[in-house]
Structures are given as structure tokens and as C-alpha cells.
Amino acid sequence: MTTARIAAVPVTGGRSSTHGSEGRILIPVKPRKAAARRPLPGSPFNVPVVPPPPVEQFVLQDRVSHDKYGLGLVIGVEEDVAVLVDFGAETHRIIAPYNKLFRL
């Protein structure tokens, strides 16, 4: 709901029904619309939403390298959840996203 503001314009002379008590003419003024704010370049709130990169897909028998465990072979795959990798002496379940696991 908008309310109209009234501007007082001074007059010199006679009075009419539009005059206020101080001898001013009252004119209704339309409310201004707020201008759109421009984005500030250094604002932390202007960061565009970037979708995460897709999760790398591994298949059975892929040769992989892990930053901590070394070279291995994929022996099990849980779609977009985890992979089971045999590193020779031990087997590890690596969960997605596979930050330290790389396909060779």
C-alpha cells in the first residue's frame, strides 16, 4: 500500500480550498520508485553460484594412484558413492569425491 505525499508550495495572495493554514498550495506528489542497486565488485555477496565439478567415474580394473596409499587396482565400484581399491598389501574403500585418487 502506497501513501501519497503532499508538497507545500508557497504562494503570495488569496486563499482557496487547496491552501494550507500557512498560505501554501498543497500538491499531491507521486512516491518515487527505488533505483536498482548496482553490484559492488568487492562484495562477498556477489559470488556467482558455481556448480561442483562432476565426480570422476571409475570402472572395474582401472589402474589408479592414491597420494597416501600409492598404486592400486579398482576391484569394486559403488556408483557416485565410493570405490574399493586393492593397493597390494591392503584394500581401502575410497569415498567420493576422489580428491587424492587419480586414474593412470
N, C-alpha and C. Protein backbone atom coordinates (compact mmCIF):
# COMPACT_ATOMS: atom_id res chain seq x y z
N MET A 1 0.84 -1.16 0.00
CA MET A 1 0.00 0.00 0.00
C MET A 1 0.89 1.23 0.00
N THR A 2 0.67 2.12 -0.94
CA THR A 2 1.48 3.34 -1.02
C THR A 2 0.66 4.51 -0.56
N THR A 3 1.32 5.44 0.06
CA THR A 3 0.65 6.65 0.51
C THR A 3 1.21 7.82 -0.27
N ALA A 4 0.37 8.73 -0.66
CA ALA A 4 0.80 9.90 -1.42
C ALA A 4 1.32 10.95 -0.45
N ARG A 5 2.43 11.55 -0.81
CA ARG A 5 2.97 12.64 -0.02
C ARG A 5 2.42 13.94 -0.57
N ILE A 6 2.45 14.96 0.24
CA ILE A 6 1.93 16.26 -0.17
C ILE A 6 3.06 17.27 -0.05
N ALA A 7 3.29 18.03 -1.13
CA ALA A 7 4.32 19.05 -1.12
C ALA A 7 3.67 20.40 -0.91
N ALA A 8 4.30 21.22 -0.12
CA ALA A 8 3.77 22.57 0.14
C ALA A 8 4.55 23.56 -0.73
N VAL A 9 3.80 24.33 -1.54
CA VAL A 9 4.40 25.34 -2.40
C VAL A 9 3.95 26.70 -1.89
N PRO A 10 4.88 27.61 -1.56
CA PRO A 10 4.46 28.92 -1.04
C PRO A 10 3.76 29.75 -2.10
N VAL A 11 2.77 30.51 -1.66
CA VAL A 11 2.04 31.41 -2.57
C VAL A 11 1.98 32.80 -1.94
N THR A 12 1.74 33.76 -2.78
CA THR A 12 1.52 35.12 -2.29
C THR A 12 0.17 35.57 -2.80
N GLY A 13 -0.74 35.82 -1.97
CA GLY A 13 -2.04 36.29 -2.45
C GLY A 13 -3.17 35.60 -1.75
N GLY A 14 -4.30 35.49 -2.48
CA GLY A 14 -5.54 34.97 -1.92
C GLY A 14 -5.47 33.51 -1.56
N ARG A 15 -6.55 33.07 -0.88
CA ARG A 15 -6.63 31.69 -0.44
C ARG A 15 -7.76 30.99 -1.19
N SER A 16 -7.60 29.67 -1.35
CA SER A 16 -8.67 28.86 -1.91
C SER A 16 -8.76 27.59 -1.08
N SER A 17 -9.55 26.62 -1.53
CA SER A 17 -9.73 25.41 -0.74
C SER A 17 -8.49 24.53 -0.75
N THR A 18 -7.54 24.74 -1.66
CA THR A 18 -6.33 23.93 -1.69
C THR A 18 -5.22 24.52 -0.85
N HIS A 19 -5.45 25.68 -0.23
CA HIS A 19 -4.42 26.31 0.59
C HIS A 19 -4.37 25.68 1.96
N GLY A 20 -3.15 25.58 2.48
CA GLY A 20 -2.97 25.12 3.85
C GLY A 20 -3.15 26.30 4.79
N SER A 21 -2.93 26.08 6.05
CA SER A 21 -3.14 27.13 7.04
C SER A 21 -2.04 28.19 6.98
N GLU A 22 -0.86 27.89 6.36
CA GLU A 22 0.21 28.86 6.29
C GLU A 22 0.21 29.62 4.97
N GLY A 23 -0.79 29.49 4.15
CA GLY A 23 -0.84 30.17 2.87
C GLY A 23 -0.04 29.46 1.79
N ARG A 24 0.01 28.13 1.82
CA ARG A 24 0.74 27.36 0.82
C ARG A 24 -0.25 26.49 0.05
N ILE A 25 0.08 26.24 -1.21
CA ILE A 25 -0.74 25.36 -2.03
C ILE A 25 -0.26 23.93 -1.80
N LEU A 26 -1.19 23.02 -1.56
CA LEU A 26 -0.85 21.63 -1.33
C LEU A 26 -1.03 20.84 -2.61
N ILE A 27 0.05 20.21 -3.08
CA ILE A 27 0.03 19.44 -4.33
C ILE A 27 0.42 18.01 -4.00
N PRO A 28 -0.40 17.02 -4.39
CA PRO A 28 -0.01 15.62 -4.14
C PRO A 28 1.20 15.25 -5.01
N VAL A 29 2.14 14.52 -4.42
CA VAL A 29 3.35 14.11 -5.11
C VAL A 29 3.36 12.59 -5.18
N LYS A 30 3.70 12.04 -6.35
CA LYS A 30 3.77 10.60 -6.52
C LYS A 30 5.04 10.08 -5.81
N PRO A 31 4.93 8.93 -5.14
CA PRO A 31 6.12 8.38 -4.49
C PRO A 31 7.13 7.89 -5.53
N ARG A 32 8.41 8.06 -5.23
CA ARG A 32 9.45 7.61 -6.15
C ARG A 32 9.67 6.11 -5.98
N LYS A 33 10.06 5.49 -7.08
CA LYS A 33 10.43 4.09 -7.03
C LYS A 33 11.92 4.00 -6.71
N ALA A 34 12.28 3.02 -5.93
CA ALA A 34 13.68 2.86 -5.56
C ALA A 34 14.48 2.41 -6.78
N ALA A 35 15.65 2.99 -6.96
CA ALA A 35 16.53 2.62 -8.06
C ALA A 35 17.18 1.27 -7.75
N ALA A 36 17.44 0.50 -8.80
CA ALA A 36 18.11 -0.78 -8.62
C ALA A 36 19.55 -0.54 -8.20
N ARG A 37 19.99 -1.28 -7.21
CA ARG A 37 21.36 -1.12 -6.74
C ARG A 37 22.31 -1.86 -7.66
N ARG A 38 23.43 -1.21 -7.96
CA ARG A 38 24.42 -1.88 -8.78
C ARG A 38 25.27 -2.75 -7.87
N PRO A 39 25.71 -3.91 -8.35
CA PRO A 39 26.52 -4.79 -7.50
C PRO A 39 27.90 -4.20 -7.26
N LEU A 40 28.38 -4.29 -6.06
CA LEU A 40 29.71 -3.81 -5.72
C LEU A 40 30.73 -4.88 -6.08
N PRO A 41 31.81 -4.51 -6.77
CA PRO A 41 32.75 -5.53 -7.24
C PRO A 41 33.47 -6.28 -6.13
N GLY A 42 33.66 -5.67 -4.97
CA GLY A 42 34.39 -6.32 -3.90
C GLY A 42 33.50 -6.97 -2.86
N SER A 43 32.21 -7.07 -3.11
CA SER A 43 31.29 -7.60 -2.12
C SER A 43 31.35 -9.13 -2.08
N PRO A 44 31.39 -9.73 -0.89
CA PRO A 44 31.39 -11.19 -0.80
C PRO A 44 30.03 -11.80 -1.13
N PHE A 45 28.99 -10.95 -1.24
CA PHE A 45 27.66 -11.46 -1.53
C PHE A 45 27.38 -11.55 -3.02
N ASN A 46 28.32 -11.09 -3.88
CA ASN A 46 28.13 -11.13 -5.33
C ASN A 46 28.75 -12.36 -5.96
N VAL A 47 29.15 -13.32 -5.18
CA VAL A 47 29.81 -14.50 -5.71
C VAL A 47 28.79 -15.34 -6.47
N PRO A 48 29.03 -15.60 -7.76
CA PRO A 48 28.08 -16.43 -8.50
C PRO A 48 28.13 -17.87 -8.01
N VAL A 49 27.00 -18.52 -8.06
CA VAL A 49 26.92 -19.91 -7.62
C VAL A 49 27.49 -20.78 -8.72
N VAL A 50 28.55 -21.51 -8.39
CA VAL A 50 29.21 -22.39 -9.36
C VAL A 50 28.88 -23.83 -8.97
N PRO A 51 28.33 -24.59 -9.91
CA PRO A 51 28.03 -25.98 -9.58
C PRO A 51 29.32 -26.77 -9.37
N PRO A 52 29.31 -27.74 -8.46
CA PRO A 52 30.52 -28.53 -8.22
C PRO A 52 30.88 -29.35 -9.46
N PRO A 53 32.16 -29.61 -9.65
CA PRO A 53 32.55 -30.41 -10.81
C PRO A 53 31.99 -31.82 -10.69
N PRO A 54 31.74 -32.48 -11.81
CA PRO A 54 31.19 -33.83 -11.74
C PRO A 54 32.19 -34.79 -11.10
N VAL A 55 31.67 -35.80 -10.41
CA VAL A 55 32.50 -36.79 -9.74
C VAL A 55 33.09 -37.70 -10.81
N GLU A 56 34.41 -37.95 -10.70
CA GLU A 56 35.07 -38.82 -11.68
C GLU A 56 34.53 -40.24 -11.55
N GLN A 57 34.32 -40.89 -12.67
CA GLN A 57 33.78 -42.24 -12.69
C GLN A 57 34.91 -43.24 -12.88
N PHE A 58 34.94 -44.26 -12.04
CA PHE A 58 35.91 -45.34 -12.16
C PHE A 58 35.17 -46.62 -12.50
N VAL A 59 35.84 -47.51 -13.23
CA VAL A 59 35.27 -48.81 -13.58
C VAL A 59 36.18 -49.90 -13.04
N LEU A 60 35.68 -51.13 -13.01
CA LEU A 60 36.48 -52.25 -12.53
C LEU A 60 37.75 -52.38 -13.36
N GLN A 61 38.82 -52.77 -12.70
CA GLN A 61 40.14 -53.00 -13.30
C GLN A 61 40.87 -51.72 -13.72
N ASP A 62 40.38 -50.53 -13.30
CA ASP A 62 41.12 -49.28 -13.55
C ASP A 62 42.37 -49.26 -12.69
N ARG A 63 43.50 -48.90 -13.29
CA ARG A 63 44.72 -48.68 -12.53
C ARG A 63 44.67 -47.26 -11.99
N VAL A 64 44.92 -47.10 -10.68
CA VAL A 64 44.81 -45.79 -10.04
C VAL A 64 46.05 -45.52 -9.19
N SER A 65 46.22 -44.26 -8.86
CA SER A 65 47.27 -43.83 -7.94
C SER A 65 46.62 -42.98 -6.86
N HIS A 66 46.99 -43.26 -5.60
CA HIS A 66 46.47 -42.51 -4.46
C HIS A 66 47.64 -41.80 -3.80
N ASP A 67 47.43 -40.56 -3.37
CA ASP A 67 48.51 -39.77 -2.77
C ASP A 67 49.08 -40.41 -1.50
N LYS A 68 48.27 -41.12 -0.75
CA LYS A 68 48.73 -41.71 0.50
C LYS A 68 49.09 -43.19 0.36
N TYR A 69 48.27 -43.96 -0.39
CA TYR A 69 48.44 -45.41 -0.44
C TYR A 69 49.26 -45.89 -1.63
N GLY A 70 49.46 -45.07 -2.64
CA GLY A 70 50.27 -45.47 -3.80
C GLY A 70 49.44 -46.04 -4.93
N LEU A 71 50.05 -46.98 -5.69
CA LEU A 71 49.40 -47.58 -6.87
C LEU A 71 48.42 -48.66 -6.46
N GLY A 72 47.31 -48.75 -7.22
CA GLY A 72 46.31 -49.74 -6.89
C GLY A 72 45.46 -50.11 -8.08
N LEU A 73 44.53 -51.02 -7.83
CA LEU A 73 43.62 -51.52 -8.86
C LEU A 73 42.20 -51.48 -8.30
N VAL A 74 41.26 -50.92 -9.07
CA VAL A 74 39.86 -50.82 -8.63
C VAL A 74 39.24 -52.21 -8.71
N ILE A 75 38.72 -52.68 -7.56
CA ILE A 75 38.10 -54.01 -7.53
C ILE A 75 36.62 -53.94 -7.20
N GLY A 76 36.11 -52.77 -6.89
CA GLY A 76 34.69 -52.61 -6.61
C GLY A 76 34.27 -51.17 -6.82
N VAL A 77 33.03 -50.97 -7.32
CA VAL A 77 32.52 -49.62 -7.60
C VAL A 77 31.12 -49.48 -7.03
N GLU A 78 30.91 -48.46 -6.21
CA GLU A 78 29.58 -48.07 -5.76
C GLU A 78 29.28 -46.76 -6.47
N GLU A 79 28.34 -46.75 -7.36
CA GLU A 79 28.05 -45.62 -8.26
C GLU A 79 27.94 -44.29 -7.52
N ASP A 80 28.82 -43.34 -7.82
CA ASP A 80 28.87 -41.98 -7.26
C ASP A 80 28.99 -41.95 -5.74
N VAL A 81 29.38 -43.06 -5.11
CA VAL A 81 29.50 -43.10 -3.66
C VAL A 81 30.93 -43.42 -3.24
N ALA A 82 31.48 -44.55 -3.71
CA ALA A 82 32.81 -44.97 -3.29
C ALA A 82 33.36 -45.99 -4.28
N VAL A 83 34.67 -46.21 -4.16
CA VAL A 83 35.33 -47.28 -4.92
C VAL A 83 36.16 -48.09 -3.95
N LEU A 84 36.29 -49.37 -4.23
CA LEU A 84 37.11 -50.27 -3.43
C LEU A 84 38.38 -50.52 -4.22
N VAL A 85 39.53 -50.20 -3.62
CA VAL A 85 40.80 -50.26 -4.34
C VAL A 85 41.75 -51.20 -3.61
N ASP A 86 42.37 -52.11 -4.38
CA ASP A 86 43.38 -53.03 -3.85
C ASP A 86 44.75 -52.39 -4.08
N PHE A 87 45.46 -52.09 -2.98
CA PHE A 87 46.78 -51.48 -3.07
C PHE A 87 47.89 -52.50 -2.82
N GLY A 88 47.61 -53.75 -3.05
CA GLY A 88 48.62 -54.80 -2.85
C GLY A 88 48.50 -55.40 -1.46
N ALA A 89 49.13 -54.80 -0.47
CA ALA A 89 49.12 -55.32 0.89
C ALA A 89 47.80 -55.05 1.60
N GLU A 90 47.07 -54.05 1.17
CA GLU A 90 45.81 -53.70 1.85
C GLU A 90 44.78 -53.20 0.83
N THR A 91 43.51 -53.27 1.24
CA THR A 91 42.40 -52.81 0.42
C THR A 91 41.70 -51.67 1.16
N HIS A 92 41.39 -50.58 0.41
CA HIS A 92 40.73 -49.42 1.03
C HIS A 92 39.49 -49.04 0.23
N ARG A 93 38.50 -48.59 0.97
CA ARG A 93 37.28 -48.03 0.35
C ARG A 93 37.46 -46.52 0.34
N ILE A 94 37.55 -45.94 -0.85
CA ILE A 94 37.74 -44.50 -1.02
C ILE A 94 36.39 -43.90 -1.40
N ILE A 95 35.92 -42.92 -0.58
CA ILE A 95 34.61 -42.32 -0.84
C ILE A 95 34.73 -41.09 -1.74
N ALA A 96 33.66 -40.78 -2.44
CA ALA A 96 33.63 -39.62 -3.34
C ALA A 96 33.52 -38.35 -2.53
N PRO A 97 34.03 -37.23 -2.97
CA PRO A 97 34.80 -37.01 -4.19
C PRO A 97 36.22 -37.53 -4.00
N TYR A 98 36.77 -38.03 -5.06
CA TYR A 98 38.06 -38.71 -5.02
C TYR A 98 39.19 -37.69 -5.19
N ASN A 99 39.44 -36.87 -4.16
CA ASN A 99 40.42 -35.80 -4.26
C ASN A 99 41.85 -36.31 -4.43
N LYS A 100 42.18 -37.43 -3.80
CA LYS A 100 43.56 -37.93 -3.82
C LYS A 100 43.73 -39.14 -4.72
N LEU A 101 42.69 -39.51 -5.46
CA LEU A 101 42.73 -40.70 -6.31
C LEU A 101 42.73 -40.30 -7.78
N PHE A 102 43.70 -40.83 -8.53
CA PHE A 102 43.84 -40.45 -9.94
C PHE A 102 43.93 -41.70 -10.80
N ARG A 103 43.27 -41.65 -11.95
CA ARG A 103 43.32 -42.76 -12.91
C ARG A 103 44.64 -42.67 -13.67
N LEU A 104 45.27 -43.83 -13.90
CA LEU A 104 46.53 -43.85 -14.66
C LEU A 104 46.27 -44.20 -16.10
